[in-house]
C-alpha cells in the first residue's frame, strides 16, 4: 500500500503523489459529478457526494494500479471511475426508476406540453418516414409494434446482421433528419 508521499505506481506514465493525482483529476471528477447528477436527478446525491465517492474510489485505484493492466494511467482512472459511478447509481435506483430510464424521452418540435416527455405509443411522422427506404420502414414498424429482434428476423426471413444493420441505419437517418429540422 502506498503512503501519501510515495509515488503512484511503478510505471513510465505517472510519477505522481496521491495529492498530485487528485489535483490532476479533479476536473474529470467535477465533470463526471455534473453528468451523473443531471443523468440521475432522482438519486439523492449532490455533486459533492459524487466527488467524495470518486475520491474514495481513486485512492483504491491509485494504490492498486499496475502497468501490466495494459492501459495508460489516465485511461485506467477514467474508465474505472465511470464504471464505479454506473454501478453505484444503479444500486441506488429503484426498479421503477430503472424501467423509466430505459424509455427515450421525446418532445416533438414546437408541440406544447413539456410535462409529457415519455413516448407512450411510438409513432413516426410522414416527413420522417419519407426519408426511409421501404425495408427500413418495414423493420421499424415491426419494432414499433412490439416485435423482438428474433420475431422480426423470422417474419422477414432475414439474418440477424441484416435486421440489426437496417434498424441501425434507419435510426441514424431519423436522428440526422431530426437534427436538421431543429
N, C-alpha and C. Protein backbone atom coordinates (compact mmCIF):
# COMPACT_ATOMS: atom_id res chain seq x y z
N UNK A 1 0.85 -1.17 0.00
CA UNK A 1 0.00 0.00 0.00
C UNK A 1 0.89 1.24 0.00
N UNK A 2 0.62 2.20 -0.85
CA UNK A 2 1.41 3.42 -0.94
C UNK A 2 0.98 4.42 0.11
N UNK A 3 1.94 5.10 0.69
CA UNK A 3 1.57 6.22 1.56
C UNK A 3 1.36 7.45 0.68
N UNK A 4 0.89 8.52 1.29
CA UNK A 4 0.55 9.71 0.51
C UNK A 4 1.77 10.34 -0.14
N UNK A 5 2.95 10.13 0.39
CA UNK A 5 4.13 10.78 -0.15
C UNK A 5 4.88 9.92 -1.16
N UNK A 6 4.52 8.65 -1.27
CA UNK A 6 5.19 7.79 -2.23
C UNK A 6 4.67 8.05 -3.63
N UNK A 7 5.45 7.65 -4.61
CA UNK A 7 5.00 7.79 -5.99
C UNK A 7 3.87 6.81 -6.26
N UNK A 8 3.00 7.22 -7.18
CA UNK A 8 1.85 6.40 -7.53
C UNK A 8 2.28 5.40 -8.59
N UNK A 9 2.35 4.15 -8.24
CA UNK A 9 2.68 3.11 -9.20
C UNK A 9 4.12 3.16 -9.65
N UNK A 10 4.58 2.08 -10.15
CA UNK A 10 5.92 1.98 -10.71
C UNK A 10 5.77 1.90 -12.22
N UNK A 11 5.56 3.03 -12.87
CA UNK A 11 5.35 2.98 -14.30
C UNK A 11 5.92 4.22 -14.96
N UNK A 12 6.02 4.17 -16.27
CA UNK A 12 6.60 5.27 -17.02
C UNK A 12 5.60 6.38 -17.29
N UNK A 13 4.30 6.13 -17.06
CA UNK A 13 3.28 7.11 -17.40
C UNK A 13 3.07 8.15 -16.31
N UNK A 14 3.26 7.77 -15.07
CA UNK A 14 2.98 8.71 -14.00
C UNK A 14 3.91 8.49 -12.82
N UNK A 15 4.41 9.56 -12.30
CA UNK A 15 5.23 9.53 -11.08
C UNK A 15 4.66 10.59 -10.14
N UNK A 16 3.36 10.50 -9.90
CA UNK A 16 2.68 11.50 -9.08
C UNK A 16 2.42 10.97 -7.68
N UNK A 17 2.36 11.88 -6.73
CA UNK A 17 1.89 11.51 -5.40
C UNK A 17 0.37 11.48 -5.45
N UNK A 18 -0.22 10.96 -4.40
CA UNK A 18 -1.68 10.87 -4.34
C UNK A 18 -2.31 12.26 -4.43
N UNK A 19 -1.73 13.25 -3.75
CA UNK A 19 -2.27 14.61 -3.78
C UNK A 19 -2.20 15.19 -5.20
N UNK A 20 -1.08 14.96 -5.89
CA UNK A 20 -0.94 15.45 -7.26
C UNK A 20 -1.96 14.78 -8.17
N UNK A 21 -2.22 13.53 -7.91
CA UNK A 21 -3.19 12.79 -8.70
C UNK A 21 -4.59 13.39 -8.52
N UNK A 22 -4.95 13.70 -7.29
CA UNK A 22 -6.26 14.30 -7.02
C UNK A 22 -6.38 15.65 -7.71
N UNK A 23 -5.35 16.47 -7.59
CA UNK A 23 -5.38 17.79 -8.23
C UNK A 23 -5.48 17.64 -9.75
N UNK A 24 -4.75 16.69 -10.29
CA UNK A 24 -4.74 16.49 -11.73
C UNK A 24 -6.09 16.00 -12.27
N UNK A 25 -6.78 15.15 -11.51
CA UNK A 25 -8.02 14.55 -12.00
C UNK A 25 -9.28 15.20 -11.43
N UNK A 26 -9.14 16.29 -10.69
CA UNK A 26 -10.31 16.98 -10.15
C UNK A 26 -11.23 17.50 -11.27
N UNK A 27 -10.71 18.06 -12.37
CA UNK A 27 -11.63 18.49 -13.45
C UNK A 27 -12.46 17.32 -14.00
N UNK A 28 -11.85 16.16 -14.15
CA UNK A 28 -12.59 14.98 -14.60
C UNK A 28 -13.66 14.61 -13.59
N UNK A 29 -13.32 14.61 -12.32
CA UNK A 29 -14.29 14.24 -11.29
C UNK A 29 -15.44 15.25 -11.23
N UNK A 30 -15.14 16.53 -11.42
CA UNK A 30 -16.21 17.54 -11.43
C UNK A 30 -17.13 17.34 -12.62
N UNK A 31 -16.53 17.04 -13.77
CA UNK A 31 -17.34 16.81 -14.97
C UNK A 31 -18.23 15.59 -14.80
N UNK A 32 -17.67 14.50 -14.30
CA UNK A 32 -18.46 13.29 -14.08
C UNK A 32 -19.56 13.51 -13.05
N UNK A 33 -19.26 14.27 -12.00
CA UNK A 33 -20.29 14.53 -10.98
C UNK A 33 -21.43 15.34 -11.58
N UNK A 34 -21.10 16.29 -12.43
CA UNK A 34 -22.14 17.09 -13.10
C UNK A 34 -22.98 16.21 -14.02
N UNK A 35 -22.33 15.37 -14.81
CA UNK A 35 -23.05 14.48 -15.73
C UNK A 35 -23.97 13.52 -15.00
N UNK A 36 -23.46 12.90 -13.95
CA UNK A 36 -24.28 11.92 -13.23
C UNK A 36 -25.40 12.57 -12.43
N UNK A 37 -25.17 13.77 -11.92
CA UNK A 37 -26.24 14.47 -11.20
C UNK A 37 -27.37 14.81 -12.17
N UNK A 38 -27.03 15.20 -13.39
CA UNK A 38 -28.05 15.52 -14.39
C UNK A 38 -28.69 14.27 -14.98
N UNK A 39 -27.93 13.22 -15.12
CA UNK A 39 -28.45 11.98 -15.70
C UNK A 39 -29.40 11.27 -14.74
N UNK A 40 -29.12 11.35 -13.45
CA UNK A 40 -29.93 10.68 -12.43
C UNK A 40 -30.40 11.69 -11.38
N UNK A 41 -31.31 12.58 -11.73
CA UNK A 41 -31.74 13.60 -10.77
C UNK A 41 -32.54 13.03 -9.59
N UNK A 42 -33.09 11.83 -9.74
CA UNK A 42 -33.89 11.24 -8.67
C UNK A 42 -33.04 10.66 -7.54
N UNK A 43 -31.76 10.49 -7.77
CA UNK A 43 -30.89 9.95 -6.73
C UNK A 43 -30.54 11.08 -5.77
N UNK A 44 -30.69 10.85 -4.48
CA UNK A 44 -30.46 11.93 -3.51
C UNK A 44 -28.99 12.20 -3.23
N UNK A 45 -28.20 12.36 -4.26
CA UNK A 45 -26.79 12.69 -4.11
C UNK A 45 -26.52 14.03 -4.76
N UNK A 46 -25.73 14.84 -4.10
CA UNK A 46 -25.31 16.12 -4.68
C UNK A 46 -23.99 15.91 -5.40
N UNK A 47 -23.57 16.92 -6.14
CA UNK A 47 -22.31 16.81 -6.87
C UNK A 47 -21.15 16.52 -5.93
N UNK A 48 -21.16 17.13 -4.77
CA UNK A 48 -20.08 16.92 -3.80
C UNK A 48 -20.04 15.46 -3.34
N UNK A 49 -21.22 14.86 -3.22
CA UNK A 49 -21.27 13.45 -2.83
C UNK A 49 -20.64 12.56 -3.90
N UNK A 50 -20.92 12.88 -5.16
CA UNK A 50 -20.30 12.12 -6.25
C UNK A 50 -18.78 12.28 -6.21
N UNK A 51 -18.34 13.51 -5.98
CA UNK A 51 -16.89 13.76 -5.92
C UNK A 51 -16.27 12.98 -4.77
N UNK A 52 -16.93 12.97 -3.61
CA UNK A 52 -16.40 12.22 -2.47
C UNK A 52 -16.33 10.72 -2.77
N UNK A 53 -17.35 10.19 -3.44
CA UNK A 53 -17.31 8.78 -3.83
C UNK A 53 -16.12 8.51 -4.75
N UNK A 54 -15.91 9.42 -5.71
CA UNK A 54 -14.80 9.22 -6.66
C UNK A 54 -13.45 9.36 -5.97
N UNK A 55 -13.33 10.28 -5.00
CA UNK A 55 -12.06 10.41 -4.26
C UNK A 55 -11.76 9.13 -3.50
N UNK A 56 -12.79 8.57 -2.88
CA UNK A 56 -12.62 7.32 -2.14
C UNK A 56 -12.19 6.21 -3.10
N UNK A 57 -12.84 6.14 -4.25
CA UNK A 57 -12.51 5.10 -5.23
C UNK A 57 -11.12 5.33 -5.84
N UNK A 58 -10.78 6.61 -6.06
CA UNK A 58 -9.48 6.90 -6.68
C UNK A 58 -8.34 6.45 -5.78
N UNK A 59 -8.51 6.58 -4.48
CA UNK A 59 -7.46 6.11 -3.57
C UNK A 59 -7.18 4.63 -3.81
N UNK A 60 -8.23 3.86 -3.93
CA UNK A 60 -8.08 2.42 -4.20
C UNK A 60 -7.43 2.19 -5.57
N UNK A 61 -7.88 2.94 -6.58
CA UNK A 61 -7.35 2.76 -7.93
C UNK A 61 -5.87 3.10 -8.00
N UNK A 62 -5.49 4.19 -7.34
CA UNK A 62 -4.09 4.63 -7.36
C UNK A 62 -3.20 3.61 -6.67
N UNK A 63 -3.66 3.11 -5.55
CA UNK A 63 -2.85 2.14 -4.80
C UNK A 63 -2.70 0.82 -5.54
N UNK A 64 -3.68 0.46 -6.34
CA UNK A 64 -3.65 -0.85 -6.99
C UNK A 64 -3.30 -0.80 -8.47
N UNK A 65 -2.93 0.36 -8.99
CA UNK A 65 -2.59 0.44 -10.40
C UNK A 65 -1.30 -0.32 -10.69
N UNK A 66 -1.31 -1.02 -11.79
CA UNK A 66 -0.13 -1.74 -12.24
C UNK A 66 -0.09 -1.59 -13.76
N UNK A 67 1.05 -1.22 -14.30
CA UNK A 67 1.11 -1.01 -15.75
C UNK A 67 0.91 -2.31 -16.53
N UNK A 68 0.96 -3.43 -15.87
CA UNK A 68 0.70 -4.70 -16.53
C UNK A 68 -0.76 -4.84 -16.95
N UNK A 69 -1.64 -3.92 -16.46
CA UNK A 69 -3.03 -3.94 -16.90
C UNK A 69 -3.12 -3.64 -18.40
N UNK A 70 -2.08 -3.04 -18.94
CA UNK A 70 -2.06 -2.75 -20.36
C UNK A 70 -2.75 -1.45 -20.73
N UNK A 71 -3.06 -0.64 -19.74
CA UNK A 71 -3.71 0.65 -20.01
C UNK A 71 -2.86 1.75 -19.41
N UNK A 72 -2.87 2.88 -20.10
CA UNK A 72 -2.20 4.04 -19.53
C UNK A 72 -2.97 4.48 -18.30
N UNK A 73 -2.28 5.11 -17.39
CA UNK A 73 -2.88 5.50 -16.12
C UNK A 73 -4.11 6.41 -16.28
N UNK A 74 -4.07 7.45 -17.13
CA UNK A 74 -5.26 8.31 -17.27
C UNK A 74 -6.49 7.56 -17.77
N UNK A 75 -6.29 6.65 -18.71
CA UNK A 75 -7.41 5.87 -19.24
C UNK A 75 -7.93 4.91 -18.18
N UNK A 76 -7.03 4.31 -17.45
CA UNK A 76 -7.39 3.40 -16.36
C UNK A 76 -8.25 4.12 -15.32
N UNK A 77 -7.85 5.32 -14.93
CA UNK A 77 -8.60 6.09 -13.93
C UNK A 77 -9.98 6.46 -14.46
N UNK A 78 -10.04 7.00 -15.68
CA UNK A 78 -11.32 7.46 -16.23
C UNK A 78 -12.31 6.30 -16.38
N UNK A 79 -11.87 5.20 -16.98
CA UNK A 79 -12.77 4.06 -17.18
C UNK A 79 -13.26 3.48 -15.86
N UNK A 80 -12.37 3.36 -14.90
CA UNK A 80 -12.76 2.78 -13.62
C UNK A 80 -13.68 3.70 -12.83
N UNK A 81 -13.45 5.01 -12.89
CA UNK A 81 -14.36 5.93 -12.20
C UNK A 81 -15.75 5.89 -12.81
N UNK A 82 -15.82 5.85 -14.14
CA UNK A 82 -17.13 5.79 -14.79
C UNK A 82 -17.84 4.47 -14.48
N UNK A 83 -17.11 3.38 -14.52
CA UNK A 83 -17.68 2.07 -14.19
C UNK A 83 -18.19 2.07 -12.75
N UNK A 84 -17.40 2.62 -11.85
CA UNK A 84 -17.77 2.70 -10.44
C UNK A 84 -19.04 3.53 -10.25
N UNK A 85 -19.12 4.70 -10.90
CA UNK A 85 -20.31 5.54 -10.77
C UNK A 85 -21.54 4.87 -11.35
N UNK A 86 -21.39 4.19 -12.48
CA UNK A 86 -22.52 3.46 -13.06
C UNK A 86 -23.06 2.43 -12.07
N UNK A 87 -22.17 1.67 -11.47
CA UNK A 87 -22.60 0.65 -10.52
C UNK A 87 -23.26 1.26 -9.29
N UNK A 88 -22.67 2.31 -8.75
CA UNK A 88 -23.22 2.94 -7.55
C UNK A 88 -24.60 3.54 -7.81
N UNK A 89 -24.76 4.21 -8.94
CA UNK A 89 -26.07 4.82 -9.22
C UNK A 89 -27.11 3.75 -9.52
N UNK A 90 -26.72 2.68 -10.18
CA UNK A 90 -27.67 1.59 -10.44
C UNK A 90 -28.16 0.96 -9.15
N UNK A 91 -27.28 0.84 -8.17
CA UNK A 91 -27.67 0.28 -6.88
C UNK A 91 -28.70 1.16 -6.18
N UNK A 92 -28.60 2.47 -6.41
CA UNK A 92 -29.48 3.41 -5.71
C UNK A 92 -30.84 3.59 -6.37
N UNK A 93 -30.95 3.21 -7.63
CA UNK A 93 -32.21 3.38 -8.33
C UNK A 93 -33.20 2.29 -7.94
N UNK A 94 -34.44 2.66 -7.82
CA UNK A 94 -35.47 1.65 -7.59
C UNK A 94 -35.78 0.97 -8.91
N UNK A 95 -36.49 -0.13 -8.85
CA UNK A 95 -36.84 -0.87 -10.06
C UNK A 95 -37.67 -0.01 -11.01
N UNK A 96 -38.64 0.75 -10.47
CA UNK A 96 -39.48 1.61 -11.31
C UNK A 96 -38.66 2.69 -12.01
N UNK A 97 -37.70 3.27 -11.30
CA UNK A 97 -36.86 4.28 -11.92
C UNK A 97 -36.01 3.68 -13.03
N UNK A 98 -35.53 2.46 -12.84
CA UNK A 98 -34.74 1.82 -13.88
C UNK A 98 -35.58 1.59 -15.13
N UNK A 99 -36.83 1.20 -14.96
CA UNK A 99 -37.71 0.99 -16.11
C UNK A 99 -37.96 2.31 -16.83
N UNK A 100 -38.25 3.37 -16.08
CA UNK A 100 -38.49 4.67 -16.70
C UNK A 100 -37.26 5.21 -17.42
N UNK A 101 -36.07 4.95 -16.90
CA UNK A 101 -34.86 5.44 -17.53
C UNK A 101 -34.55 4.74 -18.84
N UNK A 102 -35.17 3.60 -19.11
CA UNK A 102 -34.95 2.90 -20.37
C UNK A 102 -35.71 3.55 -21.52
N UNK A 103 -36.79 4.28 -21.21
CA UNK A 103 -37.58 4.92 -22.25
C UNK A 103 -36.83 6.12 -22.81
N UNK A 104 -37.04 6.38 -24.08
CA UNK A 104 -36.44 7.53 -24.72
C UNK A 104 -37.40 8.70 -24.55
N UNK A 105 -36.88 9.80 -24.05
CA UNK A 105 -37.76 10.96 -23.94
C UNK A 105 -37.94 11.55 -25.33
N UNK A 106 -39.12 12.08 -25.56
CA UNK A 106 -39.45 12.56 -26.89
C UNK A 106 -40.30 13.80 -26.76
N UNK A 107 -39.85 14.85 -27.38
CA UNK A 107 -40.65 16.07 -27.39
C UNK A 107 -40.68 16.59 -28.82
N UNK A 108 -41.79 16.40 -29.53
CA UNK A 108 -41.86 16.87 -30.90
C UNK A 108 -41.62 18.37 -30.97
N UNK A 109 -40.93 18.79 -31.99
CA UNK A 109 -40.59 20.19 -32.15
C UNK A 109 -41.86 21.04 -32.20
N UNK A 110 -41.92 22.04 -31.36
CA UNK A 110 -43.00 23.03 -31.29
C UNK A 110 -44.34 22.45 -30.85
N UNK A 111 -44.35 21.30 -30.23
CA UNK A 111 -45.59 20.82 -29.62
C UNK A 111 -45.53 21.14 -28.14
N UNK A 112 -46.58 21.70 -27.63
CA UNK A 112 -46.63 22.30 -26.32
C UNK A 112 -46.20 21.52 -25.11
N UNK A 113 -47.00 20.69 -24.57
CA UNK A 113 -46.91 20.17 -23.22
C UNK A 113 -45.56 19.50 -22.92
N UNK A 114 -44.70 20.22 -22.17
CA UNK A 114 -43.38 19.68 -21.85
C UNK A 114 -43.43 18.69 -20.69
N UNK A 115 -44.56 18.61 -20.00
CA UNK A 115 -44.65 17.67 -18.89
C UNK A 115 -44.81 16.24 -19.38
N UNK A 116 -45.25 16.07 -20.61
CA UNK A 116 -45.38 14.73 -21.19
C UNK A 116 -44.17 14.50 -22.08
N UNK A 117 -43.19 13.80 -21.56
CA UNK A 117 -41.96 13.64 -22.33
C UNK A 117 -41.61 12.19 -22.62
N UNK A 118 -42.42 11.27 -22.18
CA UNK A 118 -42.14 9.85 -22.45
C UNK A 118 -43.10 9.36 -23.51
N UNK A 119 -42.56 8.69 -24.48
CA UNK A 119 -43.38 8.17 -25.57
C UNK A 119 -44.27 7.06 -25.02
N UNK A 120 -45.57 7.25 -25.15
CA UNK A 120 -46.49 6.21 -24.69
C UNK A 120 -46.81 5.26 -25.83
N UNK A 121 -47.02 5.82 -27.02
CA UNK A 121 -47.23 4.99 -28.19
C UNK A 121 -46.24 5.45 -29.25
N UNK A 122 -45.30 4.61 -29.62
CA UNK A 122 -44.32 5.01 -30.63
C UNK A 122 -45.01 5.36 -31.94
N UNK A 123 -44.58 6.47 -32.53
CA UNK A 123 -45.17 6.87 -33.81
C UNK A 123 -44.11 7.60 -34.63
N UNK A 124 -44.29 7.56 -35.92
CA UNK A 124 -43.39 8.26 -36.83
C UNK A 124 -44.23 9.17 -37.71
N UNK A 125 -43.73 10.38 -37.92
CA UNK A 125 -44.47 11.31 -38.77
C UNK A 125 -44.18 10.98 -40.24
N UNK A 126 -45.01 11.53 -41.12
CA UNK A 126 -44.84 11.27 -42.55
C UNK A 126 -43.51 11.82 -43.07
N UNK A 127 -43.08 12.98 -42.55
CA UNK A 127 -41.80 13.54 -43.01
C UNK A 127 -40.65 12.64 -42.60
N UNK A 128 -40.76 12.01 -41.44
CA UNK A 128 -39.72 11.09 -41.01
C UNK A 128 -39.72 9.83 -41.87
N UNK A 129 -40.89 9.33 -42.17
CA UNK A 129 -40.99 8.12 -42.98
C UNK A 129 -40.51 8.34 -44.41
N UNK A 130 -40.64 9.55 -44.91
CA UNK A 130 -40.28 9.81 -46.31
C UNK A 130 -38.79 9.66 -46.58
N UNK A 131 -37.96 9.78 -45.55
CA UNK A 131 -36.51 9.67 -45.77
C UNK A 131 -36.02 8.23 -45.68
N UNK A 132 -36.90 7.30 -45.30
CA UNK A 132 -36.50 5.90 -45.14
C UNK A 132 -36.84 5.08 -46.38
N UNK A 133 -36.04 4.04 -46.61
CA UNK A 133 -36.35 3.10 -47.68
C UNK A 133 -37.48 2.19 -47.21
N UNK A 134 -38.05 1.44 -48.13
CA UNK A 134 -39.17 0.57 -47.77
C UNK A 134 -38.74 -0.51 -46.77
N UNK A 135 -37.52 -1.02 -46.93
CA UNK A 135 -37.01 -2.03 -46.00
C UNK A 135 -36.85 -1.45 -44.60
N UNK A 136 -36.32 -0.23 -44.52
CA UNK A 136 -36.13 0.41 -43.22
C UNK A 136 -37.48 0.70 -42.55
N UNK A 137 -38.45 1.16 -43.35
CA UNK A 137 -39.80 1.40 -42.81
C UNK A 137 -40.39 0.11 -42.25
N UNK A 138 -40.23 -0.96 -43.02
CA UNK A 138 -40.79 -2.25 -42.64
C UNK A 138 -40.20 -2.73 -41.31
N UNK A 139 -38.89 -2.64 -41.17
CA UNK A 139 -38.22 -3.09 -39.95
C UNK A 139 -38.64 -2.23 -38.76
N UNK A 140 -38.63 -0.90 -38.94
CA UNK A 140 -39.00 -0.02 -37.83
C UNK A 140 -40.45 -0.23 -37.39
N UNK A 141 -41.34 -0.39 -38.35
CA UNK A 141 -42.75 -0.59 -37.98
C UNK A 141 -42.93 -1.87 -37.17
N UNK A 142 -42.20 -2.91 -37.53
CA UNK A 142 -42.29 -4.15 -36.75
C UNK A 142 -41.79 -3.95 -35.32
N UNK A 143 -40.66 -3.26 -35.19
CA UNK A 143 -40.13 -3.00 -33.85
C UNK A 143 -41.09 -2.11 -33.05
N UNK A 144 -41.67 -1.11 -33.70
CA UNK A 144 -42.60 -0.22 -33.01
C UNK A 144 -43.90 -0.93 -32.63
N UNK A 145 -44.22 -2.01 -33.34
CA UNK A 145 -45.41 -2.79 -32.99
C UNK A 145 -45.12 -3.83 -31.92
N UNK A 146 -43.91 -3.80 -31.37
CA UNK A 146 -43.60 -4.66 -30.24
C UNK A 146 -42.89 -5.96 -30.56
N UNK A 147 -42.49 -6.14 -31.81
CA UNK A 147 -41.78 -7.37 -32.17
C UNK A 147 -40.37 -7.34 -31.58
N UNK A 148 -39.86 -8.50 -31.22
CA UNK A 148 -38.48 -8.61 -30.76
C UNK A 148 -37.57 -8.81 -31.98
N UNK A 149 -36.27 -8.76 -31.75
CA UNK A 149 -35.29 -8.95 -32.82
C UNK A 149 -35.51 -10.30 -33.51
N UNK A 150 -35.70 -11.35 -32.71
CA UNK A 150 -35.87 -12.69 -33.27
C UNK A 150 -37.17 -12.79 -34.08
N UNK A 151 -38.23 -12.16 -33.59
CA UNK A 151 -39.51 -12.21 -34.31
C UNK A 151 -39.42 -11.48 -35.65
N UNK A 152 -38.70 -10.36 -35.67
CA UNK A 152 -38.52 -9.62 -36.92
C UNK A 152 -37.72 -10.47 -37.90
N UNK A 153 -36.67 -11.13 -37.41
CA UNK A 153 -35.86 -12.00 -38.27
C UNK A 153 -36.71 -13.09 -38.91
N UNK A 154 -37.55 -13.73 -38.11
CA UNK A 154 -38.40 -14.81 -38.62
C UNK A 154 -39.44 -14.28 -39.60
N UNK A 155 -40.08 -13.16 -39.24
CA UNK A 155 -41.15 -12.62 -40.07
C UNK A 155 -40.64 -12.20 -41.45
N UNK A 156 -39.45 -11.58 -41.48
CA UNK A 156 -38.90 -11.11 -42.75
C UNK A 156 -37.98 -12.13 -43.42
N UNK A 157 -37.67 -13.21 -42.73
CA UNK A 157 -36.73 -14.23 -43.22
C UNK A 157 -35.36 -13.62 -43.52
N UNK A 158 -34.92 -12.77 -42.63
CA UNK A 158 -33.61 -12.13 -42.75
C UNK A 158 -32.70 -12.67 -41.65
N UNK A 159 -31.40 -12.52 -41.88
CA UNK A 159 -30.47 -12.93 -40.84
C UNK A 159 -30.34 -11.80 -39.81
N UNK A 160 -29.73 -12.13 -38.69
CA UNK A 160 -29.62 -11.22 -37.56
C UNK A 160 -28.89 -9.93 -37.93
N UNK A 161 -27.80 -10.06 -38.66
CA UNK A 161 -26.99 -8.90 -39.02
C UNK A 161 -27.75 -7.93 -39.93
N UNK A 162 -28.53 -8.45 -40.87
CA UNK A 162 -29.29 -7.61 -41.79
C UNK A 162 -30.35 -6.81 -41.03
N UNK A 163 -31.06 -7.47 -40.13
CA UNK A 163 -32.08 -6.78 -39.34
C UNK A 163 -31.44 -5.69 -38.48
N UNK A 164 -30.35 -6.05 -37.82
CA UNK A 164 -29.67 -5.10 -36.95
C UNK A 164 -29.16 -3.89 -37.73
N UNK A 165 -28.49 -4.13 -38.85
CA UNK A 165 -27.91 -3.02 -39.62
C UNK A 165 -28.99 -2.16 -40.25
N UNK A 166 -30.09 -2.76 -40.69
CA UNK A 166 -31.20 -1.99 -41.27
C UNK A 166 -31.84 -1.10 -40.22
N UNK A 167 -32.05 -1.65 -39.04
CA UNK A 167 -32.62 -0.86 -37.95
C UNK A 167 -31.67 0.28 -37.56
N UNK A 168 -30.40 -0.02 -37.43
CA UNK A 168 -29.41 1.00 -37.04
C UNK A 168 -29.34 2.11 -38.09
N UNK A 169 -29.35 1.74 -39.36
CA UNK A 169 -29.30 2.73 -40.44
C UNK A 169 -30.53 3.63 -40.41
N UNK A 170 -31.69 3.03 -40.19
CA UNK A 170 -32.94 3.81 -40.13
C UNK A 170 -32.91 4.78 -38.95
N UNK A 171 -32.45 4.32 -37.81
CA UNK A 171 -32.39 5.20 -36.64
C UNK A 171 -31.40 6.34 -36.85
N UNK A 172 -30.27 6.05 -37.51
CA UNK A 172 -29.30 7.12 -37.81
C UNK A 172 -29.93 8.17 -38.71
N UNK A 173 -30.65 7.71 -39.74
CA UNK A 173 -31.30 8.64 -40.65
C UNK A 173 -32.31 9.51 -39.91
N UNK A 174 -33.09 8.89 -39.03
CA UNK A 174 -34.10 9.64 -38.28
C UNK A 174 -33.46 10.66 -37.35
N UNK A 175 -32.38 10.28 -36.70
CA UNK A 175 -31.68 11.24 -35.82
C UNK A 175 -31.11 12.39 -36.63
N UNK A 176 -30.51 12.07 -37.76
CA UNK A 176 -29.94 13.11 -38.61
C UNK A 176 -31.03 14.04 -39.12
N UNK A 177 -32.16 13.49 -39.52
CA UNK A 177 -33.29 14.28 -40.00
C UNK A 177 -33.82 15.18 -38.89
N UNK A 178 -33.92 14.64 -37.68
CA UNK A 178 -34.41 15.42 -36.54
C UNK A 178 -33.47 16.59 -36.25
N UNK A 179 -32.16 16.34 -36.28
CA UNK A 179 -31.18 17.39 -36.01
C UNK A 179 -31.20 18.47 -37.08
N UNK A 180 -31.49 18.10 -38.32
CA UNK A 180 -31.53 19.08 -39.40
C UNK A 180 -32.78 19.94 -39.34
N UNK A 181 -33.88 19.39 -38.82
CA UNK A 181 -35.13 20.15 -38.78
C UNK A 181 -35.20 21.09 -37.60
N UNK A 182 -34.35 20.90 -36.63
CA UNK A 182 -34.39 21.77 -35.44
C UNK A 182 -33.66 23.06 -35.69
